[in-house]
Structures are given as C-alpha cells and as structure tokens.
C-alpha cells in the first residue's frame, strides 16, 4: 500500500511561525510520531511526505531517526492541502493502484488503523476513517440563530487516513481543478463526483493537533499509553 502524508501546513493556530509538524511531543516531532506508525504498518510499503522545500532538511532528520527499509520520499507541495495532494498523486510510483492519505498532524493514529484502512480500500473505491459524533450538532445561520438540529445517529466526524483508487482520485482532482472546487479533504471531491465513500471505524485518540490545547491532550494520551 502507498501512503501520502500532507505536511505543508503552518502552525498559525498553534501560535507558531514554523511548520507545526516540527513541534515536539515528548521529545519527538509530530511528524516523527506519524512516521513511526506508518513504518510499523504491515501493509504500507511506500511513503510520500508532501511539504515545502524549506522544511525538507528537518523532515529528512525525522526520516533518518527511523529504523526502516521502507521507501520514503519528499514531495514538494502546493499552496493548499488540495494542491499538495494533487502533486503527491503525480509523484506516486506507477504501480500504485490504491493510496492512503493521512494528515501529518494526526500523529496518534495507530499502525492498526492504517492497516485496517489499507485492507478495506482493496474492497471499495473510497473510504475515510471516522468516529461517531457524540455532541448534539446545531446548524446555525449567519446571524447566529439555530436553523436545524440534525439526527446525531447519522453524523460522523471525519478523520484520516482516507483511501482511494488512484485513477479515480486523480480524475476527481482534475475535475476539481477544471471547475474550481475548493474542498478540505479528498472524500469531498469523491462526493462531488458522485462516487461512493465508505466509513471505516476510526479511533477516538486520532485527534488532529491544531492548537496548543490539542498538543497537551496528545501528550496526555501518549503518556497514558506508555503506562499500559
């Protein structure tokens, strides 16, 4: 299985002027934690890290600290996540028929989750890891008034990895570029092209580290995991 890791974002909501994936969590960068899970996956054989060239020396250090013989390549990203994934798809080896895409900031995803997604994408065109929503969700208009309360039983919070057939995802990205679609994840492109996307049960601890509070929560989760 082939894995793309978008890692081009800055840490503005983290209050950082650098790539947030270079921030440390228990002495290792967020990217290092993400890569550790990827190299421990039984199914992943190739990893492409999509980022800005200014960060490549630091990315290379994270790679060098790993004990793995898996092929890991650095790919220059774009201005947006969508453009970065597009460039990542072009850099995939020609043998890639399916691909997983996993946000580098979801640094607590387990090898088991990656493996479950890698196995399931062989059976469907597209999938996302997701967890059931526990909060009651309100749909609000621009003035701040509640318009609707959707049934919580039908709501899932999207995570990554997301997995797709490579040729289909490339076609979706091309159509998105032609029509000017702007989306926040690749599943949305699939949905816009009327292609099915399956839910794979995610992990409650698979949070996206975006703010300083997220970093503290991730640290707590890791420390609890080390106790067990």
C-alpha atoms as a PDB file:
ATOM      1  CA  UNK A   1       0.000   0.000   0.000  1.00  0.00           C
ATOM      2  CA  UNK A   2       1.133   3.535  -0.816  1.00  0.00           C
ATOM      3  CA  UNK A   3       0.760   6.394   1.666  1.00  0.00           C
ATOM      4  CA  UNK A   4       0.791  10.152   1.129  1.00  0.00           C
ATOM      5  CA  UNK A   5       1.285  12.441   4.137  1.00  0.00           C
ATOM      6  CA  UNK A   6       0.314  16.102   3.563  1.00  0.00           C
ATOM      7  CA  UNK A   7       2.768  18.038   5.733  1.00  0.00           C
ATOM      8  CA  UNK A   8       2.930  21.517   4.233  1.00  0.00           C
ATOM      9  CA  UNK A   9       0.843  23.491   6.738  1.00  0.00           C
ATOM     10  CA  UNK A  10       1.998  26.276   9.035  1.00  0.00           C
ATOM     11  CA  UNK A  11       1.181  26.405  12.735  1.00  0.00           C
ATOM     12  CA  UNK A  12      -0.718  29.694  12.888  1.00  0.00           C
ATOM     13  CA  UNK A  13      -3.465  28.382  15.183  1.00  0.00           C
ATOM     14  CA  UNK A  14      -0.700  26.802  17.226  1.00  0.00           C
ATOM     15  CA  UNK A  15       0.878  30.250  17.619  1.00  0.00           C
ATOM     16  CA  UNK A  16       3.958  29.062  15.750  1.00  0.00           C
ATOM     17  CA  UNK A  17       5.758  30.678  12.825  1.00  0.00           C
ATOM     18  CA  UNK A  18       7.045  27.333  11.558  1.00  0.00           C
ATOM     19  CA  UNK A  19       5.555  24.105  10.292  1.00  0.00           C
ATOM     20  CA  UNK A  20       3.601  22.701  13.231  1.00  0.00           C
ATOM     21  CA  UNK A  21       4.728  19.169  12.375  1.00  0.00           C
ATOM     22  CA  UNK A  22       8.208  20.192  13.528  1.00  0.00           C
ATOM     23  CA  UNK A  23       6.918  20.997  17.014  1.00  0.00           C
ATOM     24  CA  UNK A  24       7.878  18.389  19.578  1.00  0.00           C
ATOM     25  CA  UNK A  25       5.747  15.976  21.552  1.00  0.00           C
ATOM     26  CA  UNK A  26       7.585  14.116  24.319  1.00  0.00           C
ATOM     27  CA  UNK A  27      10.912  14.895  22.657  1.00  0.00           C
ATOM     28  CA  UNK A  28       9.989  13.921  19.092  1.00  0.00           C
ATOM     29  CA  UNK A  29       8.460  15.959  16.291  1.00  0.00           C
ATOM     30  CA  UNK A  30       4.810  15.458  15.399  1.00  0.00           C
ATOM     31  CA  UNK A  31       5.955  14.188  12.005  1.00  0.00           C
ATOM     32  CA  UNK A  32       8.186  11.602  13.678  1.00  0.00           C
ATOM     33  CA  UNK A  33       5.221  10.185  15.601  1.00  0.00           C
ATOM     34  CA  UNK A  34       3.179   9.988  12.387  1.00  0.00           C
ATOM     35  CA  UNK A  35       6.019   8.282  10.523  1.00  0.00           C
ATOM     36  CA  UNK A  36       6.556   5.757  13.317  1.00  0.00           C
ATOM     37  CA  UNK A  37       3.005   4.499  12.924  1.00  0.00           C
ATOM     38  CA  UNK A  38       3.382   4.356   9.148  1.00  0.00           C
ATOM     39  CA  UNK A  39       6.585   2.321   9.183  1.00  0.00           C
ATOM     40  CA  UNK A  40       5.078  -0.097  11.725  1.00  0.00           C
ATOM     41  CA  UNK A  41       2.100  -0.739   9.435  1.00  0.00           C
ATOM     42  CA  UNK A  42       2.271  -4.204   7.898  1.00  0.00           C
ATOM     43  CA  UNK A  43       0.757  -3.092   4.591  1.00  0.00           C
ATOM     44  CA  UNK A  44       2.437   0.231   3.793  1.00  0.00           C
ATOM     45  CA  UNK A  45       5.466  -0.192   1.516  1.00  0.00           C
ATOM     46  CA  UNK A  46       5.999   3.379   0.261  1.00  0.00           C
ATOM     47  CA  UNK A  47       5.556   6.761   1.959  1.00  0.00           C
ATOM     48  CA  UNK A  48       5.488  10.174   0.305  1.00  0.00           C
ATOM     49  CA  UNK A  49       5.764  13.250   2.553  1.00  0.00           C
ATOM     50  CA  UNK A  50       4.329  16.346   0.860  1.00  0.00           C
ATOM     51  CA  UNK A  51       5.766  19.595   2.174  1.00  0.00           C
ATOM     52  CA  UNK A  52       7.599  22.814   1.468  1.00  0.00           C
ATOM     53  CA  UNK A  53      11.250  22.526   0.480  1.00  0.00           C
ATOM     54  CA  UNK A  54      12.321  24.806   3.344  1.00  0.00           C
ATOM     55  CA  UNK A  55      11.258  22.052   5.751  1.00  0.00           C
ATOM     56  CA  UNK A  56      12.917  19.176   3.903  1.00  0.00           C
ATOM     57  CA  UNK A  57      16.150  19.190   5.969  1.00  0.00           C
ATOM     58  CA  UNK A  58      14.086  18.800   9.174  1.00  0.00           C
ATOM     59  CA  UNK A  59      11.877  16.170   7.535  1.00  0.00           C
ATOM     60  CA  UNK A  60      14.986  14.291   6.484  1.00  0.00           C
ATOM     61  CA  UNK A  61      16.184  14.225  10.086  1.00  0.00           C
ATOM     62  CA  UNK A  62      12.891  12.644  11.172  1.00  0.00           C
ATOM     63  CA  UNK A  63      13.312  10.041   8.437  1.00  0.00           C
ATOM     64  CA  UNK A  64      16.924   9.354   9.412  1.00  0.00           C
ATOM     65  CA  UNK A  65      15.885   8.683  13.009  1.00  0.00           C
ATOM     66  CA  UNK A  66      13.642   5.815  11.877  1.00  0.00           C
ATOM     67  CA  UNK A  67      14.745   2.208  11.675  1.00  0.00           C
ATOM     68  CA  UNK A  68      13.104   1.164   8.430  1.00  0.00           C
ATOM     69  CA  UNK A  69      13.906  -0.060   4.954  1.00  0.00           C
ATOM     70  CA  UNK A  70      10.638   1.311   3.552  1.00  0.00           C
ATOM     71  CA  UNK A  71      10.950   3.785   0.711  1.00  0.00           C
ATOM     72  CA  UNK A  72      10.231   7.338   1.965  1.00  0.00           C
ATOM     73  CA  UNK A  73      10.255  10.237  -0.497  1.00  0.00           C
ATOM     74  CA  UNK A  74       9.881  14.005  -0.088  1.00  0.00           C
ATOM     75  CA  UNK A  75       7.468  15.731  -2.481  1.00  0.00           C
ATOM     76  CA  UNK A  76       7.164  19.491  -2.944  1.00  0.00           C
ATOM     77  CA  UNK A  77       3.652  20.620  -2.033  1.00  0.00           C
ATOM     78  CA  UNK A  78       1.418  23.487  -3.112  1.00  0.00           C
ATOM     79  CA  UNK A  79      -0.299  26.494  -1.592  1.00  0.00           C
ATOM     80  CA  UNK A  80      -3.260  24.481  -0.278  1.00  0.00           C
ATOM     81  CA  UNK A  81      -3.792  20.965   1.022  1.00  0.00           C
ATOM     82  CA  UNK A  82      -5.802  20.190  -2.107  1.00  0.00           C
ATOM     83  CA  UNK A  83      -2.977  21.295  -4.390  1.00  0.00           C
ATOM     84  CA  UNK A  84      -0.429  19.431  -2.282  1.00  0.00           C
ATOM     85  CA  UNK A  85      -2.348  16.155  -2.553  1.00  0.00           C
ATOM     86  CA  UNK A  86      -2.676  16.712  -6.307  1.00  0.00           C
ATOM     87  CA  UNK A  87       1.105  16.999  -6.564  1.00  0.00           C
ATOM     88  CA  UNK A  88       1.513  13.971  -4.330  1.00  0.00           C
ATOM     89  CA  UNK A  89      -0.677  11.902  -6.629  1.00  0.00           C
ATOM     90  CA  UNK A  90       1.503  12.821  -9.596  1.00  0.00           C
ATOM     91  CA  UNK A  91       4.568  11.633  -7.670  1.00  0.00           C
ATOM     92  CA  UNK A  92       3.163   8.192  -6.830  1.00  0.00           C
ATOM     93  CA  UNK A  93       5.008   5.209  -8.334  1.00  0.00           C
ATOM     94  CA  UNK A  94       3.297   3.935 -11.482  1.00  0.00           C
ATOM     95  CA  UNK A  95       2.499   0.642  -9.718  1.00  0.00           C
ATOM     96  CA  UNK A  96       0.209   2.371  -7.192  1.00  0.00           C
ATOM     97  CA  UNK A  97      -3.420   1.321  -7.704  1.00  0.00           C
ATOM     98  CA  UNK A  98      -4.696   2.394  -4.273  1.00  0.00           C
ATOM     99  CA  UNK A  99      -3.437   5.133  -1.976  1.00  0.00           C
ATOM    100  CA  UNK A 100      -3.972   6.174   1.627  1.00  0.00           C
ATOM    101  CA  UNK A 101      -3.785   9.865   2.528  1.00  0.00           C
ATOM    102  CA  UNK A 102      -3.095  10.695   6.147  1.00  0.00           C
ATOM    103  CA  UNK A 103      -2.679  14.178   7.628  1.00  0.00           C
ATOM    104  CA  UNK A 104       0.703  14.535   9.288  1.00  0.00           C
ATOM    105  CA  UNK A 105      -0.938  16.399  12.190  1.00  0.00           C
ATOM    106  CA  UNK A 106      -2.891  13.267  13.165  1.00  0.00           C
ATOM    107  CA  UNK A 107       0.210  11.966  14.874  1.00  0.00           C
ATOM    108  CA  UNK A 108      -1.535   9.491  17.214  1.00  0.00           C
ATOM    109  CA  UNK A 109      -3.060   7.249  14.553  1.00  0.00           C
ATOM    110  CA  UNK A 110      -2.037   3.644  15.210  1.00  0.00           C
ATOM    111  CA  UNK A 111      -0.481   1.170  12.775  1.00  0.00           C
ATOM    112  CA  UNK A 112      -3.596  -0.940  13.288  1.00  0.00           C
ATOM    113  CA  UNK A 113      -5.836   1.853  11.952  1.00  0.00           C
ATOM    114  CA  UNK A 114      -3.593   2.296   8.917  1.00  0.00           C
ATOM    115  CA  UNK A 115      -3.690  -1.446   8.295  1.00  0.00           C
ATOM    116  CA  UNK A 116      -7.484  -1.619   8.599  1.00  0.00           C
ATOM    117  CA  UNK A 117      -7.838   1.130   6.018  1.00  0.00           C
ATOM    118  CA  UNK A 118      -5.227  -0.485   3.756  1.00  0.00           C
ATOM    119  CA  UNK A 119      -7.162  -3.756   3.801  1.00  0.00           C
ATOM    120  CA  UNK A 120     -10.556  -2.138   3.272  1.00  0.00           C
ATOM    121  CA  UNK A 121      -9.543   0.050   0.307  1.00  0.00           C
ATOM    122  CA  UNK A 122      -8.915  -3.131  -1.670  1.00  0.00           C
ATOM    123  CA  UNK A 123     -12.685  -3.748  -1.470  1.00  0.00           C
ATOM    124  CA  UNK A 124     -14.141  -0.306  -2.292  1.00  0.00           C
ATOM    125  CA  UNK A 125     -13.398   2.795  -4.420  1.00  0.00           C
ATOM    126  CA  UNK A 126     -13.031   5.201  -1.480  1.00  0.00           C
ATOM    127  CA  UNK A 127     -13.106   5.327   2.303  1.00  0.00           C
ATOM    128  CA  UNK A 128     -12.449   7.519   5.303  1.00  0.00           C
ATOM    129  CA  UNK A 129     -11.695   6.776   8.911  1.00  0.00           C
ATOM    130  CA  UNK A 130     -14.328   8.420  11.070  1.00  0.00           C
ATOM    131  CA  UNK A 131     -15.897   8.288  14.539  1.00  0.00           C
ATOM    132  CA  UNK A 132     -19.478   8.799  15.610  1.00  0.00           C
ATOM    133  CA  UNK A 133     -20.367  12.298  16.779  1.00  0.00           C
ATOM    134  CA  UNK A 134     -21.181  12.376  20.498  1.00  0.00           C
ATOM    135  CA  UNK A 135     -22.218  16.030  20.807  1.00  0.00           C
ATOM    136  CA  UNK A 136     -25.530  17.431  19.659  1.00  0.00           C
ATOM    137  CA  UNK A 137     -24.850  19.430  16.492  1.00  0.00           C
ATOM    138  CA  UNK A 138     -26.641  22.676  15.626  1.00  0.00           C
ATOM    139  CA  UNK A 139     -26.934  24.173  12.146  1.00  0.00           C
ATOM    140  CA  UNK A 140     -26.692  27.956  12.555  1.00  0.00           C
ATOM    141  CA  UNK A 141     -27.387  30.811  10.131  1.00  0.00           C
ATOM    142  CA  UNK A 142     -25.062  33.835   9.657  1.00  0.00           C
ATOM    143  CA  UNK A 143     -26.900  35.793  12.354  1.00  0.00           C
ATOM    144  CA  UNK A 144     -26.226  33.090  14.944  1.00  0.00           C
ATOM    145  CA  UNK A 145     -29.718  31.616  15.083  1.00  0.00           C
ATOM    146  CA  UNK A 146     -30.202  27.855  15.116  1.00  0.00           C
ATOM    147  CA  UNK A 147     -31.850  26.558  11.954  1.00  0.00           C
ATOM    148  CA  UNK A 148     -31.746  22.808  12.498  1.00  0.00           C
ATOM    149  CA  UNK A 149     -30.630  20.002  14.821  1.00  0.00           C
ATOM    150  CA  UNK A 150     -29.620  17.008  12.678  1.00  0.00           C
ATOM    151  CA  UNK A 151     -30.034  13.477  13.981  1.00  0.00           C
ATOM    152  CA  UNK A 152     -26.804  12.642  15.784  1.00  0.00           C
ATOM    153  CA  UNK A 153     -27.134   8.984  14.817  1.00  0.00           C
ATOM    154  CA  UNK A 154     -26.383   9.921  11.200  1.00  0.00           C
ATOM    155  CA  UNK A 155     -23.346  12.096  11.957  1.00  0.00           C
ATOM    156  CA  UNK A 156     -19.716  11.029  11.842  1.00  0.00           C
ATOM    157  CA  UNK A 157     -16.576  13.120  12.406  1.00  0.00           C
ATOM    158  CA  UNK A 158     -14.159  12.627   9.524  1.00  0.00           C
ATOM    159  CA  UNK A 159     -10.557  11.692  10.222  1.00  0.00           C
ATOM    160  CA  UNK A 160      -7.685  10.359   8.177  1.00  0.00           C
ATOM    161  CA  UNK A 161      -6.436   8.023   6.772  1.00  0.00           C
ATOM    162  CA  UNK A 162      -8.630   8.343   3.744  1.00  0.00           C
ATOM    163  CA  UNK A 163      -8.171   5.805   0.967  1.00  0.00           C
ATOM    164  CA  UNK A 164      -8.972   5.792  -2.730  1.00  0.00           C
ATOM    165  CA  UNK A 165      -8.395   4.100  -6.040  1.00  0.00           C
ATOM    166  CA  UNK A 166      -5.591   6.180  -7.515  1.00  0.00           C
ATOM    167  CA  UNK A 167      -7.019   6.632 -11.018  1.00  0.00           C
ATOM    168  CA  UNK A 168     -10.415   7.678  -9.673  1.00  0.00           C
ATOM    169  CA  UNK A 169      -8.911  10.177  -7.259  1.00  0.00           C
ATOM    170  CA  UNK A 170      -6.722  11.650  -9.996  1.00  0.00           C
ATOM    171  CA  UNK A 171      -9.830  12.113 -12.157  1.00  0.00           C
ATOM    172  CA  UNK A 172     -11.646  13.811  -9.259  1.00  0.00           C
ATOM    173  CA  UNK A 173      -8.739  16.180  -8.674  1.00  0.00           C
ATOM    174  CA  UNK A 174      -8.575  17.067 -12.372  1.00  0.00           C
ATOM    175  CA  UNK A 175     -12.302  17.795 -12.426  1.00  0.00           C
ATOM    176  CA  UNK A 176     -11.949  19.874  -9.269  1.00  0.00           C
ATOM    177  CA  UNK A 177      -9.206  21.950 -10.864  1.00  0.00           C
ATOM    178  CA  UNK A 178     -11.273  22.480 -14.018  1.00  0.00           C
ATOM    179  CA  UNK A 179     -14.393  23.554 -12.116  1.00  0.00           C
ATOM    180  CA  UNK A 180     -12.650  25.497  -9.349  1.00  0.00           C
ATOM    181  CA  UNK A 181     -13.812  23.297  -6.480  1.00  0.00           C
ATOM    182  CA  UNK A 182     -12.218  24.055  -3.125  1.00  0.00           C
ATOM    183  CA  UNK A 183     -12.534  21.245  -0.584  1.00  0.00           C
ATOM    184  CA  UNK A 184     -10.991  20.417   2.771  1.00  0.00           C
ATOM    185  CA  UNK A 185     -10.493  16.706   2.174  1.00  0.00           C
ATOM    186  CA  UNK A 186     -10.294  14.261  -0.705  1.00  0.00           C
ATOM    187  CA  UNK A 187     -13.511  12.476   0.230  1.00  0.00           C
ATOM    188  CA  UNK A 188     -15.377  15.688  -0.617  1.00  0.00           C
ATOM    189  CA  UNK A 189     -14.011  15.503  -4.177  1.00  0.00           C
ATOM    190  CA  UNK A 190     -15.261  11.931  -4.434  1.00  0.00           C
ATOM    191  CA  UNK A 191     -18.670  13.033  -3.156  1.00  0.00           C
ATOM    192  CA  UNK A 192     -18.854  15.881  -5.678  1.00  0.00           C
ATOM    193  CA  UNK A 193     -18.162  13.344  -8.430  1.00  0.00           C
ATOM    194  CA  UNK A 194     -20.975  11.100  -7.116  1.00  0.00           C
ATOM    195  CA  UNK A 195     -18.562   8.351  -6.123  1.00  0.00           C
ATOM    196  CA  UNK A 196     -19.169   6.219  -3.005  1.00  0.00           C
ATOM    197  CA  UNK A 197     -17.083   6.733   0.131  1.00  0.00           C
ATOM    198  CA  UNK A 198     -17.224   4.127   2.880  1.00  0.00           C
ATOM    199  CA  UNK A 199     -16.785   4.737   6.601  1.00  0.00           C
ATOM    200  CA  UNK A 200     -14.104   2.771   8.453  1.00  0.00           C
ATOM    201  CA  UNK A 201     -14.287   2.998  12.239  1.00  0.00           C
ATOM    202  CA  UNK A 202     -11.591   5.423  13.352  1.00  0.00           C
ATOM    203  CA  UNK A 203     -10.010   5.977  16.756  1.00  0.00           C
ATOM    204  CA  UNK A 204     -11.118   8.416  19.460  1.00  0.00           C
ATOM    205  CA  UNK A 205      -7.469   9.233  20.135  1.00  0.00           C
ATOM    206  CA  UNK A 206      -6.760  10.038  16.471  1.00  0.00           C
ATOM    207  CA  UNK A 207      -7.064  13.773  17.024  1.00  0.00           C
ATOM    208  CA  UNK A 208      -5.684  16.422  14.701  1.00  0.00           C
ATOM    209  CA  UNK A 209      -3.124  18.562  16.536  1.00  0.00           C
ATOM    210  CA  UNK A 210      -4.084  22.119  15.609  1.00  0.00           C
ATOM    211  CA  UNK A 211      -3.948  24.212  18.798  1.00  0.00           C
ATOM    212  CA  UNK A 212      -1.769  24.264  21.953  1.00  0.00           C
ATOM    213  CA  UNK A 213      -4.625  22.510  23.794  1.00  0.00           C
ATOM    214  CA  UNK A 214      -4.525  19.682  21.232  1.00  0.00           C
ATOM    215  CA  UNK A 215      -0.801  19.312  21.863  1.00  0.00           C
ATOM    216  CA  UNK A 216      -1.401  18.935  25.605  1.00  0.00           C
ATOM    217  CA  UNK A 217      -4.160  16.383  25.008  1.00  0.00           C
ATOM    218  CA  UNK A 218      -1.887  14.401  22.671  1.00  0.00           C
ATOM    219  CA  UNK A 219       0.850  14.437  25.306  1.00  0.00           C
ATOM    220  CA  UNK A 220      -1.583  13.093  27.913  1.00  0.00           C
ATOM    221  CA  UNK A 221      -2.764  10.315  25.564  1.00  0.00           C
ATOM    222  CA  UNK A 222       0.787   9.225  24.830  1.00  0.00           C
ATOM    223  CA  UNK A 223       1.810   9.238  28.492  1.00  0.00           C
ATOM    224  CA  UNK A 224      -1.228   7.126  29.370  1.00  0.00           C
ATOM    225  CA  UNK A 225      -0.374   4.718  26.554  1.00  0.00           C
ATOM    226  CA  UNK A 226       3.175   4.302  27.882  1.00  0.00           C
ATOM    227  CA  UNK A 227       1.788   3.339  31.293  1.00  0.00           C
ATOM    228  CA  UNK A 228      -0.129   0.386  29.822  1.00  0.00           C
END
